[in-house]
N, C-alpha and C. Protein backbone atom coordinates (compact mmCIF):
# COMPACT_ATOMS: atom_id res chain seq x y z
N UNK A 1 0.55 -1.47 0.32
CA UNK A 1 -0.01 -0.11 -0.05
C UNK A 1 1.21 1.56 -0.43
N UNK A 2 2.09 0.78 0.44
CA UNK A 2 2.62 2.67 0.76
C UNK A 2 3.24 2.86 -0.68
N UNK A 3 3.18 1.88 -1.24
CA UNK A 3 3.64 1.93 -3.01
C UNK A 3 2.75 2.81 -4.08
N UNK A 4 0.56 2.14 -3.21
CA UNK A 4 -0.13 3.57 -3.83
C UNK A 4 -0.29 4.31 -3.03
N UNK A 5 0.47 4.96 -1.76
CA UNK A 5 0.03 6.09 -1.37
C UNK A 5 0.99 7.32 -2.42
N UNK A 6 2.50 6.25 -2.65
CA UNK A 6 4.10 7.23 -2.85
C UNK A 6 2.88 8.20 -4.37
N UNK A 7 2.32 7.33 -4.83
CA UNK A 7 2.48 7.56 -6.36
C UNK A 7 1.11 8.11 -5.56
N UNK A 8 0.19 8.37 -5.42
CA UNK A 8 -0.36 9.75 -4.77
C UNK A 8 -0.68 10.53 -4.58
N UNK A 9 1.19 10.50 -3.81
CA UNK A 9 1.21 11.93 -3.47
C UNK A 9 1.86 12.95 -4.85
N UNK A 10 2.59 11.88 -5.25
CA UNK A 10 3.44 12.00 -7.07
C UNK A 10 2.27 12.42 -8.05
N UNK A 11 0.99 11.77 -7.91
CA UNK A 11 -0.62 12.92 -8.15
C UNK A 11 -1.11 13.41 -8.27
N UNK A 12 -0.62 15.17 -6.87
CA UNK A 12 -1.40 15.13 -6.16
C UNK A 12 0.11 16.52 -6.63
N UNK A 13 0.86 16.52 -6.98
CA UNK A 13 1.82 17.22 -6.95
C UNK A 13 1.92 17.07 -8.48
N UNK A 14 1.52 16.39 -8.92
CA UNK A 14 1.29 16.07 -10.47
C UNK A 14 0.33 17.16 -11.15
N UNK A 15 -1.44 17.07 -10.95
CA UNK A 15 -1.72 17.06 -11.04
C UNK A 15 -1.42 18.79 -10.62
N UNK A 16 -0.71 19.81 -9.02
CA UNK A 16 -0.22 20.76 -9.03
C UNK A 16 0.45 21.58 -9.89
N UNK A 17 0.54 20.82 -10.72
CA UNK A 17 1.43 21.44 -11.52
C UNK A 17 1.11 21.50 -13.23
N UNK A 18 -0.24 21.30 -12.92
CA UNK A 18 -1.59 21.38 -14.80
C UNK A 18 -1.89 23.36 -14.55
N UNK A 19 -1.52 23.53 -16.21
CA UNK A 19 -2.70 24.57 -16.14
C UNK A 19 -3.97 24.34 -15.68
N UNK A 20 -4.65 23.84 -14.97
CA UNK A 20 -6.17 24.05 -14.87
C UNK A 20 -6.41 24.19 -14.31
N UNK A 21 -4.36 23.74 -13.01
CA UNK A 21 -5.54 23.78 -11.94
C UNK A 21 -4.22 25.68 -11.11
N UNK A 22 -3.42 25.30 -12.56
CA UNK A 22 -2.28 26.84 -11.64
C UNK A 22 -4.21 27.60 -12.80
N UNK A 23 -4.36 27.76 -13.46
CA UNK A 23 -5.59 28.63 -13.53
C UNK A 23 -6.92 28.91 -13.18
N UNK A 24 -7.55 27.59 -11.93
CA UNK A 24 -7.90 27.70 -11.14
C UNK A 24 -7.64 28.28 -10.25
N UNK A 25 -6.26 28.29 -10.03
CA UNK A 25 -6.05 29.21 -7.90
C UNK A 25 -5.73 30.94 -8.24
N UNK A 26 -4.77 31.17 -9.79
CA UNK A 26 -5.24 32.01 -10.67
C UNK A 26 -5.63 32.80 -10.20
N UNK A 27 -7.50 32.22 -10.80
CA UNK A 27 -8.63 32.93 -10.91
C UNK A 27 -9.20 32.61 -9.56
N UNK A 28 -9.19 32.16 -8.82
CA UNK A 28 -9.33 32.95 -7.14
C UNK A 28 -9.58 33.82 -6.80
N UNK A 29 -8.15 33.71 -6.54
CA UNK A 29 -7.45 35.09 -6.33
C UNK A 29 -7.05 36.34 -6.91
N UNK A 30 -8.10 36.24 -8.62
CA UNK A 30 -8.50 37.30 -9.08
C UNK A 30 -9.36 37.58 -8.86
N UNK A 31 -10.14 36.63 -8.27
CA UNK A 31 -11.77 37.32 -7.70
C UNK A 31 -11.90 37.84 -6.26
N UNK A 32 -11.16 37.50 -5.32
CA UNK A 32 -10.90 37.58 -3.73
C UNK A 32 -10.14 38.41 -4.23
N UNK A 33 -9.73 39.11 -4.65
CA UNK A 33 -8.98 41.43 -4.71
C UNK A 33 -9.94 41.58 -5.93
N UNK A 34 -11.00 40.61 -6.15
CA UNK A 34 -12.03 41.92 -6.54
C UNK A 34 -13.07 42.31 -5.97
N UNK A 35 -12.54 43.91 -4.99
CA UNK A 35 -13.31 44.35 -4.34
C UNK A 35 -14.68 45.29 -4.43
N UNK A 36 -15.08 45.44 -5.54
CA UNK A 36 -16.59 45.27 -6.49
C UNK A 36 -16.82 43.69 -6.23
N UNK A 37 -16.05 42.98 -5.57
CA UNK A 37 -17.12 41.80 -6.54
C UNK A 37 -17.27 41.00 -5.07
N UNK A 38 -16.77 41.56 -4.28
CA UNK A 38 -16.63 41.06 -2.94
C UNK A 38 -16.91 41.73 -1.88
N UNK A 39 -18.06 42.67 -2.44
CA UNK A 39 -18.57 43.65 -1.93
C UNK A 39 -20.27 43.33 -2.55
N UNK A 40 -20.18 43.38 -3.48
CA UNK A 40 -21.28 41.91 -4.52
C UNK A 40 -21.37 41.42 -3.41
N UNK A 41 -20.48 39.99 -3.33
CA UNK A 41 -21.08 38.57 -2.81
C UNK A 41 -21.87 38.86 -0.97
N UNK A 42 -20.78 40.05 -0.68
CA UNK A 42 -20.95 40.67 0.99
C UNK A 42 -23.01 41.52 1.09
N UNK A 43 -22.87 41.99 -0.04
CA UNK A 43 -24.12 41.82 -0.27
C UNK A 43 -25.61 40.97 -0.55
N UNK A 44 -24.97 40.64 -1.87
CA UNK A 44 -25.91 39.88 -1.51
C UNK A 44 -26.40 37.93 -0.24
N UNK A 45 -24.14 37.57 0.70
CA UNK A 45 -25.44 37.36 1.51
C UNK A 45 -25.94 38.31 2.83
N UNK A 46 -26.01 39.57 2.66
CA UNK A 46 -26.69 40.09 3.52
C UNK A 46 -27.82 40.32 3.17
N UNK A 47 -28.48 39.96 1.84
CA UNK A 47 -29.47 39.80 1.66
C UNK A 47 -29.61 38.97 2.00
N UNK A 48 -29.30 37.49 1.53
CA UNK A 48 -30.06 36.57 2.54
C UNK A 48 -29.97 36.35 4.07
N UNK A 49 -29.37 36.13 4.34
CA UNK A 49 -30.00 36.78 6.31
C UNK A 49 -31.32 37.10 5.99
N UNK A 50 -31.11 38.90 5.23
CA UNK A 50 -32.95 39.32 5.90
C UNK A 50 -33.29 38.13 4.98
N UNK A 51 -33.69 37.66 3.78
CA UNK A 51 -34.79 37.11 3.52
C UNK A 51 -35.13 35.62 4.68
N UNK A 52 -34.07 35.51 5.09
CA UNK A 52 -34.24 34.65 6.49
C UNK A 52 -34.68 34.09 8.04
N UNK A 53 -33.66 35.98 7.60
CA UNK A 53 -34.82 36.63 8.93
C UNK A 53 -35.87 37.17 9.34
N UNK A 54 -36.71 36.96 7.97
CA UNK A 54 -38.34 37.67 6.98
C UNK A 54 -39.01 35.78 6.99
N UNK A 55 -38.03 35.51 7.15
CA UNK A 55 -38.73 34.02 5.78
C UNK A 55 -39.75 33.56 7.47
N UNK A 56 -38.33 33.58 8.98
CA UNK A 56 -38.56 33.03 10.58
C UNK A 56 -40.41 33.14 10.85
N UNK A 57 -39.80 34.98 10.43
CA UNK A 57 -41.30 35.88 12.12
C UNK A 57 -42.52 34.54 11.69
N UNK A 58 -42.94 35.04 12.61
CA UNK A 58 -44.91 34.92 12.68
C UNK A 58 -45.76 35.46 12.00
N UNK A 59 -45.31 37.17 11.59
CA UNK A 59 -45.71 37.47 11.01
C UNK A 59 -45.15 38.40 9.79
N UNK A 60 -44.40 37.22 9.14
CA UNK A 60 -43.52 36.77 8.25
C UNK A 60 -44.85 37.85 7.10
N UNK A 61 -44.05 39.30 6.48
CA UNK A 61 -44.98 40.28 5.14
C UNK A 61 -43.62 39.72 3.93
N UNK A 62 -44.79 38.95 3.33
CA UNK A 62 -44.50 38.23 1.87
C UNK A 62 -43.98 39.43 1.41
N UNK A 63 -44.81 40.70 0.99
CA UNK A 63 -44.04 41.30 -0.06
C UNK A 63 -42.68 42.05 0.18
N UNK A 64 -41.98 42.67 1.59
CA UNK A 64 -40.96 42.34 2.41
C UNK A 64 -40.10 41.86 1.91
N UNK A 65 -40.41 40.33 2.18
CA UNK A 65 -39.87 39.10 0.99
C UNK A 65 -39.35 39.00 -0.03
N UNK A 66 -40.92 39.45 -0.84
CA UNK A 66 -41.01 38.83 -2.61
C UNK A 66 -39.84 40.08 -2.65
N UNK A 67 -39.89 41.79 -2.11
CA UNK A 67 -38.92 42.21 -2.47
C UNK A 67 -37.29 42.03 -1.56
N UNK A 68 -37.32 41.80 -1.06
CA UNK A 68 -35.96 41.19 -1.19
C UNK A 68 -35.36 40.75 -1.35
N UNK A 69 -36.54 39.19 -2.33
CA UNK A 69 -36.21 37.39 -3.13
C UNK A 69 -35.13 38.72 -4.10
N UNK A 70 -36.55 39.58 -4.79
CA UNK A 70 -36.25 40.06 -5.73
C UNK A 70 -34.50 41.18 -6.22
N UNK A 71 -34.12 42.10 -5.20
CA UNK A 71 -32.92 42.44 -4.94
C UNK A 71 -32.35 41.54 -4.22
N UNK A 72 -32.50 39.80 -4.34
CA UNK A 72 -30.78 39.38 -3.76
C UNK A 72 -30.95 38.78 -5.23
N UNK A 73 -32.20 37.73 -5.60
CA UNK A 73 -31.96 38.19 -7.16
C UNK A 73 -30.43 38.77 -8.37
N UNK A 74 -31.15 40.28 -7.64
CA UNK A 74 -30.37 41.37 -9.10
C UNK A 74 -29.15 41.23 -8.45
N UNK A 75 -28.30 41.23 -7.58
CA UNK A 75 -27.15 41.08 -6.91
C UNK A 75 -26.16 39.78 -6.76
N UNK A 76 -27.41 38.07 -7.31
CA UNK A 76 -26.79 37.11 -8.34
C UNK A 76 -26.72 37.38 -9.83
N UNK A 77 -27.21 38.21 -10.03
CA UNK A 77 -27.11 38.60 -11.04
C UNK A 77 -25.47 39.43 -11.49
N UNK A 78 -25.63 39.84 -10.95
CA UNK A 78 -24.80 41.71 -11.55
C UNK A 78 -23.12 40.80 -10.35
N UNK A 79 -23.37 38.98 -9.80
CA UNK A 79 -21.55 39.22 -9.36
C UNK A 79 -21.99 37.68 -10.53
N UNK A 80 -23.04 37.25 -11.21
CA UNK A 80 -21.90 35.82 -12.06
C UNK A 80 -21.55 36.84 -13.69
N UNK A 81 -22.20 37.94 -13.42
CA UNK A 81 -22.02 38.66 -14.86
C UNK A 81 -20.37 39.80 -14.74
N UNK A 82 -19.39 38.89 -13.47
CA UNK A 82 -18.74 39.82 -13.20
C UNK A 82 -17.43 39.18 -13.50
N UNK A 83 -16.07 40.37 -14.24
CA UNK A 83 -15.65 39.58 -15.26
C UNK A 83 -14.97 38.85 -14.46
N UNK A 84 -14.69 38.69 -13.50
CA UNK A 84 -13.03 37.91 -12.89
C UNK A 84 -14.09 36.83 -12.41
N UNK A 85 -16.06 37.41 -11.75
CA UNK A 85 -16.44 36.06 -11.47
C UNK A 85 -17.43 34.61 -12.90
N UNK A 86 -17.05 35.29 -14.30
CA UNK A 86 -16.79 34.04 -14.99
C UNK A 86 -15.07 33.49 -14.63
N UNK A 87 -14.50 34.40 -15.21
CA UNK A 87 -13.63 33.90 -15.40
C UNK A 87 -13.34 32.99 -13.96
N UNK A 88 -13.19 33.03 -12.70
CA UNK A 88 -13.64 31.34 -12.06
C UNK A 88 -14.64 30.57 -12.12
N UNK A 89 -15.24 30.78 -12.56
CA UNK A 89 -16.60 29.52 -13.07
C UNK A 89 -16.32 28.86 -14.16
N UNK A 90 -15.63 29.95 -15.21
CA UNK A 90 -15.01 28.70 -16.66
C UNK A 90 -14.08 28.00 -16.03
N UNK A 91 -12.98 28.67 -14.73
CA UNK A 91 -11.72 27.39 -14.48
C UNK A 91 -11.85 26.36 -13.82
N UNK A 92 -12.90 26.51 -12.65
CA UNK A 92 -13.47 26.09 -12.06
C UNK A 92 -13.66 24.84 -13.28
N UNK A 93 -14.85 25.21 -13.61
CA UNK A 93 -15.57 23.38 -14.45
C UNK A 93 -14.39 23.71 -15.15
N UNK A 94 -13.51 23.52 -15.84
CA UNK A 94 -12.11 23.17 -16.28
C UNK A 94 -11.86 22.13 -15.35
N UNK A 95 -11.86 22.29 -14.34
CA UNK A 95 -10.08 22.07 -13.50
C UNK A 95 -11.72 20.80 -12.86
N UNK A 96 -12.81 20.81 -12.51
CA UNK A 96 -14.25 20.27 -12.34
C UNK A 96 -13.59 18.76 -13.72
N UNK A 97 -14.28 19.47 -14.36
CA UNK A 97 -13.72 18.38 -15.95
C UNK A 97 -12.22 16.74 -15.06
N UNK A 98 -11.63 17.41 -15.68
CA UNK A 98 -10.37 17.45 -15.26
C UNK A 98 -9.79 16.15 -14.33
N UNK A 99 -10.37 17.27 -12.77
CA UNK A 99 -10.64 15.99 -11.57
C UNK A 99 -11.50 15.49 -11.59
N UNK A 100 -12.29 15.10 -12.41
CA UNK A 100 -13.23 13.89 -12.76
C UNK A 100 -12.73 13.16 -13.69
N UNK A 101 -12.12 13.22 -14.46
CA UNK A 101 -11.63 12.41 -15.83
C UNK A 101 -10.20 11.60 -14.66
N UNK A 102 -9.63 12.00 -14.22
CA UNK A 102 -8.15 11.69 -13.52
C UNK A 102 -9.28 10.17 -12.72
N UNK A 103 -10.46 11.31 -11.91
CA UNK A 103 -10.49 10.18 -10.88
C UNK A 103 -11.37 8.85 -11.43
N UNK A 104 -12.08 9.17 -12.66
CA UNK A 104 -12.97 7.91 -13.51
C UNK A 104 -11.62 7.32 -13.31
N UNK A 105 -10.78 7.62 -13.90
CA UNK A 105 -9.85 6.85 -14.75
C UNK A 105 -9.35 6.02 -13.26
N UNK A 106 -8.76 6.53 -12.38
CA UNK A 106 -8.17 5.85 -10.70
C UNK A 106 -8.97 4.68 -10.09
N UNK A 107 -10.87 4.81 -10.76
CA UNK A 107 -12.00 4.13 -10.37
C UNK A 107 -11.50 2.40 -10.78
N UNK A 108 -11.56 3.79 -12.59
CA UNK A 108 -11.68 2.24 -12.54
C UNK A 108 -10.88 0.90 -13.46
N UNK A 109 -10.01 1.78 -12.22
CA UNK A 109 -8.15 0.97 -12.51
C UNK A 109 -8.28 0.01 -10.38
N UNK A 110 -9.23 0.92 -10.40
CA UNK A 110 -9.13 0.39 -9.15
C UNK A 110 -10.33 -1.51 -9.35
N UNK A 111 -10.75 -0.89 -10.27
CA UNK A 111 -11.40 -1.99 -10.43
C UNK A 111 -11.47 -3.33 -11.55
N UNK A 112 -10.59 -2.96 -11.30
CA UNK A 112 -9.81 -4.28 -12.41
C UNK A 112 -9.04 -3.30 -14.62
N UNK A 113 -10.11 -2.53 -14.56
CA UNK A 113 -10.36 -1.53 -15.64
C UNK A 113 -7.83 -1.93 -15.64
N UNK A 114 -8.06 -1.71 -16.95
CA UNK A 114 -6.89 -1.33 -18.14
C UNK A 114 -6.29 0.12 -18.39
N UNK A 115 -5.26 -0.37 -16.76
CA UNK A 115 -5.17 1.18 -16.76
C UNK A 115 -4.49 2.45 -18.16
N UNK A 116 -4.37 1.87 -19.50
CA UNK A 116 -3.92 2.32 -20.30
C UNK A 116 -5.14 2.76 -21.98
N UNK A 117 -5.85 1.67 -21.01
CA UNK A 117 -7.58 2.88 -21.85
C UNK A 117 -8.59 3.12 -20.89
N UNK A 118 -8.10 2.80 -19.87
CA UNK A 118 -9.10 3.66 -18.56
C UNK A 118 -9.80 5.25 -18.96
N UNK A 119 -10.73 5.22 -19.09
CA UNK A 119 -11.32 7.03 -19.17
C UNK A 119 -12.55 7.28 -18.88
N UNK A 120 -12.94 8.24 -18.26
CA UNK A 120 -13.59 9.08 -18.43
C UNK A 120 -14.66 9.19 -19.42
N UNK A 121 -15.63 8.77 -19.16
CA UNK A 121 -17.12 8.65 -20.26
C UNK A 121 -18.46 9.31 -19.53
N UNK A 122 -18.79 11.36 -20.00
CA UNK A 122 -19.80 12.23 -19.68
C UNK A 122 -21.01 11.37 -19.24
N UNK A 123 -20.79 10.24 -20.19
CA UNK A 123 -22.49 10.45 -19.91
C UNK A 123 -22.77 8.87 -19.02
N UNK A 124 -21.64 8.12 -18.52
CA UNK A 124 -21.93 7.31 -18.12
C UNK A 124 -22.31 7.65 -16.41
N UNK A 125 -22.84 6.98 -16.12
CA UNK A 125 -24.32 7.21 -15.07
C UNK A 125 -24.18 6.06 -13.85
N UNK A 126 -22.72 5.77 -13.53
CA UNK A 126 -22.52 3.92 -13.36
C UNK A 126 -23.87 2.98 -12.75
N UNK A 127 -25.07 3.08 -14.11
CA UNK A 127 -26.25 2.57 -13.59
C UNK A 127 -26.25 1.48 -13.90
N UNK A 128 -25.67 0.42 -14.34
CA UNK A 128 -24.71 -0.99 -15.83
C UNK A 128 -26.74 -1.31 -16.09
N UNK A 129 -27.18 -1.35 -15.28
CA UNK A 129 -28.83 -1.05 -15.87
C UNK A 129 -28.95 -0.26 -17.34
N UNK A 130 -28.03 0.89 -16.85
CA UNK A 130 -28.46 0.71 -18.30
C UNK A 130 -28.54 1.54 -19.63
N UNK A 131 -26.84 0.71 -19.57
CA UNK A 131 -25.35 0.39 -20.02
C UNK A 131 -25.39 -0.74 -20.71
N UNK A 132 -24.16 -1.20 -19.95
CA UNK A 132 -23.90 -2.44 -19.65
C UNK A 132 -22.59 -2.69 -20.15
N UNK A 133 -22.34 -1.18 -20.90
CA UNK A 133 -21.01 -1.21 -21.69
C UNK A 133 -19.10 -0.20 -21.06
N UNK A 134 -19.49 -0.67 -19.41
CA UNK A 134 -18.62 -0.40 -18.23
C UNK A 134 -17.56 -1.96 -18.49
N UNK A 135 -18.96 -3.34 -18.17
CA UNK A 135 -18.18 -4.03 -17.48
C UNK A 135 -18.44 -5.36 -19.51
């Protein structure tokens, strides 16, 4: 088992040297440093807390809830249209895709698959009754 652990650590180092990893953390750093974006995120969280507080009241005001929800949606839209958030989300999607592929290869090999041909199939549901291609 020690060899597999050593190889897992090597894989961890290899992942950290890949562009998809570096791009994600560069995008995260830019998003974290974007004061306007961080202010919008803080405002979004404030709206969310205000909605929760109003919803928990026994005499909650549906009009206030509606207004707060609309305000929160507007702030969310502003967050998601921020160029640094867009870059982060794109980098995160690329990172997740790469990690899904790596994990699929490891899982298939752990289940006896051929390490040279194991790969990620995004259409696989892991429910063999739906297709039977895996085995």
